[in-house]
Amino acid sequence: MDPEEARKRLEAEKTRVAGLIAAQRNDIEVENESEAEELSPFDAADSGSDTFEREKDLGILDDLEAELAEIEAAIERIENGTYGIDEVTGQPIDPARLEAVPIARTNVDTPPPA
């Protein structure tokens, strides 16, 4: 994949993911504020459900932030001239893999580092 084409795709994906992160953070903040304003008597079932939802939302946020970090790392590899090079073997990454997974750091058949 052409590095400039990859950069455009990655920048667009970075914008999309950053928007999702902002929306997720906002949702979490709104949920926290609404929970703080509730005046109903303590209900253990509701509390457990709220905790589950909060943990799920924080997990989604963690996943999005990790995805954003991978996108930024791929953009940095483009800037450094190492994009498309397998980080383990130093061989070129299959262009079809980069087309499918622009953030790929290795070829599919590359064994994990020891």
Protein backbone atom coordinates (compact mmCIF):
# COMPACT_ATOMS: atom_id res chain seq x y z
CA MET A 1 0.00 0.00 0.00
CA ASP A 2 1.25 3.46 -0.89
CA PRO A 3 2.32 5.26 2.32
CA GLU A 4 0.41 8.42 1.43
CA GLU A 5 -2.77 6.43 0.77
CA ALA A 6 -2.21 4.63 4.07
CA ARG A 7 -1.70 7.97 5.83
CA LYS A 8 -5.02 9.29 4.48
CA ARG A 9 -6.86 6.15 5.62
CA LEU A 10 -5.18 6.21 9.02
CA GLU A 11 -5.85 9.93 9.55
CA ALA A 12 -9.53 9.40 8.70
CA GLU A 13 -9.68 6.44 11.11
CA LYS A 14 -7.88 8.48 13.76
CA THR A 15 -10.52 11.20 13.47
CA ARG A 16 -13.32 8.64 13.68
CA VAL A 17 -11.88 6.88 16.72
CA ALA A 18 -11.08 10.16 18.48
CA GLY A 19 -14.73 11.16 17.98
CA LEU A 20 -15.90 7.85 19.46
CA ILE A 21 -13.58 8.37 22.45
CA ALA A 22 -14.96 11.86 23.05
CA ALA A 23 -18.54 10.58 22.82
CA GLN A 24 -17.79 7.66 25.16
CA ARG A 25 -16.17 9.97 27.73
CA ASN A 26 -19.14 12.29 27.51
CA ASP A 27 -21.57 9.39 28.00
CA ILE A 28 -19.64 8.22 31.05
CA GLU A 29 -19.62 11.73 32.50
CA VAL A 30 -23.36 12.14 31.94
CA GLU A 31 -24.05 8.74 33.53
CA ASN A 32 -21.92 9.64 36.55
CA GLU A 33 -23.74 12.96 36.97
CA SER A 34 -27.18 11.36 36.69
CA GLU A 35 -26.24 8.66 39.21
CA ALA A 36 -25.06 11.33 41.63
CA GLU A 37 -28.38 13.18 41.28
CA GLU A 38 -30.58 10.15 41.96
CA LEU A 39 -32.46 10.53 45.22
CA SER A 40 -34.14 7.12 45.33
CA PRO A 41 -33.42 4.75 48.22
CA PHE A 42 -30.40 2.47 47.82
CA ASP A 43 -31.21 -0.57 45.72
CA ALA A 44 -28.52 -3.24 45.53
CA ALA A 45 -29.80 -4.60 42.22
CA ASP A 46 -29.73 -1.18 40.59
CA SER A 47 -26.30 -0.52 42.04
CA GLY A 48 -24.95 -3.78 40.60
CA SER A 49 -26.44 -3.02 37.21
CA ASP A 50 -24.98 0.50 37.27
CA THR A 51 -21.56 -0.88 38.19
CA PHE A 52 -21.73 -3.42 35.35
CA GLU A 53 -22.66 -0.71 32.83
CA ARG A 54 -19.93 1.64 34.08
CA GLU A 55 -17.30 -1.13 33.82
CA LYS A 56 -18.53 -2.05 30.34
CA ASP A 57 -18.33 1.60 29.23
CA LEU A 58 -14.84 1.97 30.70
CA GLY A 59 -13.77 -1.22 28.89
CA ILE A 60 -15.04 0.17 25.60
CA LEU A 61 -13.16 3.40 26.28
CA ASP A 62 -9.95 1.45 27.01
CA ASP A 63 -10.33 -0.49 23.74
CA LEU A 64 -10.88 2.71 21.74
CA GLU A 65 -7.86 4.37 23.34
CA ALA A 66 -5.70 1.33 22.51
CA GLU A 67 -6.97 1.43 18.92
CA LEU A 68 -6.11 5.13 18.70
CA ALA A 69 -2.60 4.42 20.01
CA GLU A 70 -2.11 1.74 17.30
CA ILE A 71 -3.30 4.18 14.61
CA GLU A 72 -0.93 6.87 15.88
CA ALA A 73 1.93 4.34 15.94
CA ALA A 74 1.20 3.40 12.32
CA ILE A 75 1.25 7.08 11.31
CA GLU A 76 4.57 7.45 13.13
CA ARG A 77 5.95 4.47 11.18
CA ILE A 78 4.94 6.23 7.95
CA GLU A 79 6.80 9.35 9.10
CA ASN A 80 9.86 7.27 10.07
CA GLY A 81 9.86 5.35 6.79
CA THR A 82 9.30 2.00 8.52
CA TYR A 83 5.63 1.54 7.59
CA GLY A 84 5.01 -1.78 5.91
CA ILE A 85 8.11 -3.41 7.39
CA ASP A 86 7.58 -6.41 9.69
CA GLU A 87 8.81 -5.34 13.14
CA VAL A 88 10.08 -8.85 13.93
CA THR A 89 11.66 -10.05 10.69
CA GLY A 90 12.42 -6.78 8.91
CA GLN A 91 10.75 -8.15 5.77
CA PRO A 92 8.04 -6.24 3.86
CA ILE A 93 4.50 -6.82 5.10
CA ASP A 94 2.21 -8.34 2.48
CA PRO A 95 0.41 -5.44 0.73
CA ALA A 96 -2.90 -7.32 0.98
CA ARG A 97 -2.47 -7.46 4.76
CA LEU A 98 -1.78 -3.72 4.93
CA GLU A 99 -4.83 -3.11 2.76
CA ALA A 100 -6.98 -5.13 5.17
CA VAL A 101 -5.25 -4.01 8.39
CA PRO A 102 -3.45 -0.69 7.88
CA ILE A 103 -2.11 -0.75 11.46
CA ALA A 104 -0.40 -4.14 10.99
CA ARG A 105 3.06 -4.36 12.54
CA THR A 106 3.89 -7.86 11.29
CA ASN A 107 3.01 -10.38 8.63
CA VAL A 108 0.42 -12.98 9.56
CA ASP A 109 2.95 -15.80 9.53
CA THR A 110 5.55 -14.00 11.65
CA PRO A 111 6.20 -15.88 14.88
CA PRO A 112 5.89 -13.78 18.05
CA PRO A 113 9.13 -12.46 19.51
CA ALA A 114 10.71 -14.75 22.12
